[in-house]
Amino acid sequence: MNTGESTSDDLYDQARGGTFRLDPAVARECATHFLHFADALDPQVEQSHSIQTLSGFGDFDSAHQLRTGFESKAVSLTETLTTLQSTALHLAAACLLAAGLIQHTDETHSRALLSARAGL
């Protein structure tokens, strides 16, 4: 699954370099959508963690293989969902940076900082 990491990296780099610019109101609106999306994934991430260890498949080798397969898919799902969240935060940061509402720092992708700058 393409989680958009390279696209968000490119957009962020363009915002940092000044080639991608947004009006502050538009940037806040876009960042708000990306932040809401990241927040909306929290329950799915939590649920995907809860299904990484399963029971009730029995003692046969085939049951063990089936359980292991489902648990592996749950781990992959968690990784994908958390990557989607990170990408959404990165896109929110790119929008706010493109409007000059934040500066590039190591803390640029903090949800609290992004939410404050987006006016949430």
C-alpha atoms as a PDB file:
ATOM      1  CA  MET A   1       0.000   0.000   0.000  1.00  0.00           C
ATOM      2  CA  ASN A   2       1.282   3.422  -0.909  1.00  0.00           C
ATOM      3  CA  THR A   3       1.086   5.517   2.266  1.00  0.00           C
ATOM      4  CA  GLY A   4       2.219   8.717   0.566  1.00  0.00           C
ATOM      5  CA  GLU A   5       5.506   9.126   2.421  1.00  0.00           C
ATOM      6  CA  SER A   6       7.553  10.161  -0.603  1.00  0.00           C
ATOM      7  CA  THR A   7       4.872  12.619  -1.723  1.00  0.00           C
ATOM      8  CA  SER A   8       4.664  14.201   1.718  1.00  0.00           C
ATOM      9  CA  ASP A   9       8.457  14.397   1.899  1.00  0.00           C
ATOM     10  CA  ASP A  10       8.590  16.121  -1.496  1.00  0.00           C
ATOM     11  CA  LEU A  11       5.852  18.581  -0.560  1.00  0.00           C
ATOM     12  CA  TYR A  12       7.514  19.374   2.762  1.00  0.00           C
ATOM     13  CA  ASP A  13      10.865  19.933   1.019  1.00  0.00           C
ATOM     14  CA  GLN A  14       9.188  22.242  -1.482  1.00  0.00           C
ATOM     15  CA  ALA A  15       7.552  24.208   1.346  1.00  0.00           C
ATOM     16  CA  ARG A  16      10.891  24.420   3.124  1.00  0.00           C
ATOM     17  CA  GLY A  17      12.568  25.633  -0.064  1.00  0.00           C
ATOM     18  CA  GLY A  18       9.861  28.197  -0.775  1.00  0.00           C
ATOM     19  CA  THR A  19       8.575  26.669  -4.009  1.00  0.00           C
ATOM     20  CA  PHE A  20       5.324  25.489  -2.398  1.00  0.00           C
ATOM     21  CA  ARG A  21       3.376  28.308  -0.811  1.00  0.00           C
ATOM     22  CA  LEU A  22      -0.140  28.601   0.575  1.00  0.00           C
ATOM     23  CA  ASP A  23      -2.372  31.344   1.870  1.00  0.00           C
ATOM     24  CA  PRO A  24      -2.506  31.061   5.687  1.00  0.00           C
ATOM     25  CA  ALA A  25      -6.278  30.440   5.761  1.00  0.00           C
ATOM     26  CA  VAL A  26      -6.000  27.700   3.146  1.00  0.00           C
ATOM     27  CA  ALA A  27      -3.018  26.175   4.937  1.00  0.00           C
ATOM     28  CA  ARG A  28      -4.938  26.057   8.226  1.00  0.00           C
ATOM     29  CA  GLU A  29      -7.914  24.424   6.510  1.00  0.00           C
ATOM     30  CA  CYS A  30      -5.743  21.785   4.834  1.00  0.00           C
ATOM     31  CA  ALA A  31      -3.743  21.131   7.996  1.00  0.00           C
ATOM     32  CA  THR A  32      -6.982  20.749   9.948  1.00  0.00           C
ATOM     33  CA  HIS A  33      -8.152  17.994   7.594  1.00  0.00           C
ATOM     34  CA  PHE A  34      -4.832  16.171   7.810  1.00  0.00           C
ATOM     35  CA  LEU A  35      -4.851  16.417  11.613  1.00  0.00           C
ATOM     36  CA  HIS A  36      -8.436  15.164  11.835  1.00  0.00           C
ATOM     37  CA  PHE A  37      -7.498  12.249   9.600  1.00  0.00           C
ATOM     38  CA  ALA A  38      -4.514  11.376  11.823  1.00  0.00           C
ATOM     39  CA  ASP A  39      -6.716  11.596  14.923  1.00  0.00           C
ATOM     40  CA  ALA A  40      -9.408   9.447  13.298  1.00  0.00           C
ATOM     41  CA  LEU A  41      -6.868   6.645  12.864  1.00  0.00           C
ATOM     42  CA  ASP A  42      -6.169   6.399  16.614  1.00  0.00           C
ATOM     43  CA  PRO A  43      -8.994   3.904  17.326  1.00  0.00           C
ATOM     44  CA  GLN A  44      -7.973   1.729  14.374  1.00  0.00           C
ATOM     45  CA  VAL A  45      -4.350   1.700  15.524  1.00  0.00           C
ATOM     46  CA  GLU A  46      -5.463   0.722  19.018  1.00  0.00           C
ATOM     47  CA  GLN A  47      -7.718  -2.016  17.691  1.00  0.00           C
ATOM     48  CA  SER A  48      -5.003  -3.354  15.397  1.00  0.00           C
ATOM     49  CA  HIS A  49      -2.694  -3.644  18.424  1.00  0.00           C
ATOM     50  CA  SER A  50      -5.341  -5.662  20.254  1.00  0.00           C
ATOM     51  CA  ILE A  51      -5.548  -8.310  17.522  1.00  0.00           C
ATOM     52  CA  GLN A  52      -1.824  -8.955  17.279  1.00  0.00           C
ATOM     53  CA  THR A  53      -2.165 -11.806  19.775  1.00  0.00           C
ATOM     54  CA  LEU A  54      -5.061 -14.162  19.079  1.00  0.00           C
ATOM     55  CA  SER A  55      -6.369 -17.301  20.711  1.00  0.00           C
ATOM     56  CA  GLY A  56      -8.996 -19.967  20.093  1.00  0.00           C
ATOM     57  CA  PHE A  57      -7.527 -21.565  16.975  1.00  0.00           C
ATOM     58  CA  GLY A  58      -6.833 -24.994  18.451  1.00  0.00           C
ATOM     59  CA  ASP A  59      -3.741 -27.128  18.676  1.00  0.00           C
ATOM     60  CA  PHE A  60      -3.348 -28.399  15.127  1.00  0.00           C
ATOM     61  CA  ASP A  61      -0.376 -27.200  13.098  1.00  0.00           C
ATOM     62  CA  SER A  62      -2.730 -25.701  10.529  1.00  0.00           C
ATOM     63  CA  ALA A  63      -4.524 -23.754  13.290  1.00  0.00           C
ATOM     64  CA  HIS A  64      -1.182 -22.456  14.548  1.00  0.00           C
ATOM     65  CA  GLN A  65      -0.255 -21.381  11.008  1.00  0.00           C
ATOM     66  CA  LEU A  66      -3.606 -19.665  10.561  1.00  0.00           C
ATOM     67  CA  ARG A  67      -3.278 -17.814  13.896  1.00  0.00           C
ATOM     68  CA  THR A  68       0.277 -16.766  13.084  1.00  0.00           C
ATOM     69  CA  GLY A  69      -0.826 -15.514   9.680  1.00  0.00           C
ATOM     70  CA  PHE A  70      -3.617 -13.384  11.128  1.00  0.00           C
ATOM     71  CA  GLU A  71      -1.318 -11.997  13.814  1.00  0.00           C
ATOM     72  CA  SER A  72       1.247 -11.095  11.170  1.00  0.00           C
ATOM     73  CA  LYS A  73      -1.418  -9.270   9.162  1.00  0.00           C
ATOM     74  CA  ALA A  74      -2.408  -7.339  12.301  1.00  0.00           C
ATOM     75  CA  VAL A  75       1.206  -6.244  12.807  1.00  0.00           C
ATOM     76  CA  SER A  76       1.365  -5.106   9.171  1.00  0.00           C
ATOM     77  CA  LEU A  77      -1.928  -3.258   9.583  1.00  0.00           C
ATOM     78  CA  THR A  78      -0.608  -1.423  12.644  1.00  0.00           C
ATOM     79  CA  GLU A  79       2.540  -0.431  10.771  1.00  0.00           C
ATOM     80  CA  THR A  80       0.515   0.851   7.812  1.00  0.00           C
ATOM     81  CA  LEU A  81      -1.898   2.817   9.988  1.00  0.00           C
ATOM     82  CA  THR A  82       0.887   4.452  11.993  1.00  0.00           C
ATOM     83  CA  THR A  83       2.698   5.332   8.760  1.00  0.00           C
ATOM     84  CA  LEU A  84      -0.521   6.909   7.438  1.00  0.00           C
ATOM     85  CA  GLN A  85      -0.759   8.947  10.643  1.00  0.00           C
ATOM     86  CA  SER A  86       2.824  10.096  10.328  1.00  0.00           C
ATOM     87  CA  THR A  87       2.274  11.030   6.684  1.00  0.00           C
ATOM     88  CA  ALA A  88      -0.830  13.032   7.576  1.00  0.00           C
ATOM     89  CA  LEU A  89       1.108  14.943  10.243  1.00  0.00           C
ATOM     90  CA  HIS A  90       3.914  15.556   7.762  1.00  0.00           C
ATOM     91  CA  LEU A  91       1.414  16.917   5.217  1.00  0.00           C
ATOM     92  CA  ALA A  92      -0.144  19.170   7.858  1.00  0.00           C
ATOM     93  CA  ALA A  93       3.316  20.475   8.677  1.00  0.00           C
ATOM     94  CA  ALA A  94       4.057  21.037   4.977  1.00  0.00           C
ATOM     95  CA  CYS A  95       0.896  23.116   4.593  1.00  0.00           C
ATOM     96  CA  LEU A  96       1.617  25.239   7.652  1.00  0.00           C
ATOM     97  CA  LEU A  97       5.250  25.657   6.650  1.00  0.00           C
ATOM     98  CA  ALA A  98       4.172  26.701   3.133  1.00  0.00           C
ATOM     99  CA  ALA A  99       2.133  29.520   4.675  1.00  0.00           C
ATOM    100  CA  GLY A 100       4.899  30.611   7.044  1.00  0.00           C
ATOM    101  CA  LEU A 101       2.858  29.585  10.092  1.00  0.00           C
ATOM    102  CA  ILE A 102       5.599  27.317  11.459  1.00  0.00           C
ATOM    103  CA  GLN A 103       9.351  27.095  11.112  1.00  0.00           C
ATOM    104  CA  HIS A 104      11.278  23.965  10.238  1.00  0.00           C
ATOM    105  CA  THR A 105      12.464  22.298  13.448  1.00  0.00           C
ATOM    106  CA  ASP A 106      12.736  18.807  14.866  1.00  0.00           C
ATOM    107  CA  GLU A 107       9.409  19.396  16.633  1.00  0.00           C
ATOM    108  CA  THR A 108       7.566  20.456  13.478  1.00  0.00           C
ATOM    109  CA  HIS A 109       5.445  17.317  13.411  1.00  0.00           C
ATOM    110  CA  SER A 110       4.235  17.472  16.994  1.00  0.00           C
ATOM    111  CA  ARG A 111       0.450  17.044  16.964  1.00  0.00           C
ATOM    112  CA  ALA A 112       0.038  19.674  19.662  1.00  0.00           C
ATOM    113  CA  LEU A 113       2.101  22.249  17.788  1.00  0.00           C
ATOM    114  CA  LEU A 114       0.387  21.542  14.485  1.00  0.00           C
ATOM    115  CA  SER A 115      -3.050  21.705  16.076  1.00  0.00           C
ATOM    116  CA  ALA A 116      -2.256  25.028  17.721  1.00  0.00           C
ATOM    117  CA  ARG A 117      -0.917  26.523  14.510  1.00  0.00           C
ATOM    118  CA  ALA A 118      -3.919  25.229  12.544  1.00  0.00           C
ATOM    119  CA  GLY A 119      -6.212  26.970  15.022  1.00  0.00           C
ATOM    120  CA  LEU A 120      -7.751  23.836  16.514  1.00  0.00           C
END
